[in-house]
Every structure is written in C-alpha cells, then in structure tokens.
Amino acid sequence: MSDFIEWGALSQVLVAGVLVGAGIPALFALGLRLLAGPARDRGDAVPGAGEAAGRRTSDDGAVAVAIPRPGPARLAGAALCLGLVVAAVATGLFVVVSGGH
C-alpha cells in the first residue's frame, strides 16, 4: 500500500491544512480578544450592583457601562495578529487567482 501513498507529500498537506484550518482562525480570535480590552467583573447578577459600582443608570433601569480602551501593547498585538490574517487571506487569493499550485 505504501507504493500508492507519498508519505512526504501527505505530511506536507496535513501540516498546511492544520496551520491554515486552525492557525488562521486562532490568530483572528486572538486579535479580537486583544482588541476587546481587559476583562472586568460586570456585576450584572446582583440587583443594584450597578449603582454600588458607580455606574450610571437611566430612569428605566438601563445600566451605562464604560468599556476601557485596550493599551498600546494590546493594540499592537491585535494589529499584528489581524495583519497576519489579512496577509494569509490575500496570499491565498493571489495563488488561486493566478492559477498557481
């Protein structure tokens, strides 16, 4: 059976598939997570916790929550991750459109 299977080529396709199939979406998710800013405890489970935490509420009880901006290091990391994703997609499109293998 090994006469019909090129194991080197199969391993190259497997590695490329794992990198593109899991690596690119993971980079995208990491970039979005870095853009989201630091995680905070929102305190939504306890009634009245918004007033205790200093959050503003309107007359109808809606809570206005201030979302902090991510720091410069997080923005740079997010730009790097999302830039790599865009570059990978552009490279893939270029290869497909040019008819190359």
Foldseek 3Di string as FASTA:
>chain_A
DVVVDDVVVVVVVVVVCCCVVPVLVVLLVLLVVLQQADDDDPPPVDPPVLVVVVFDADPVGDTDDDRDGHDPVSNVSSCVSVVVSVVVVVVVVVCVVVVHD
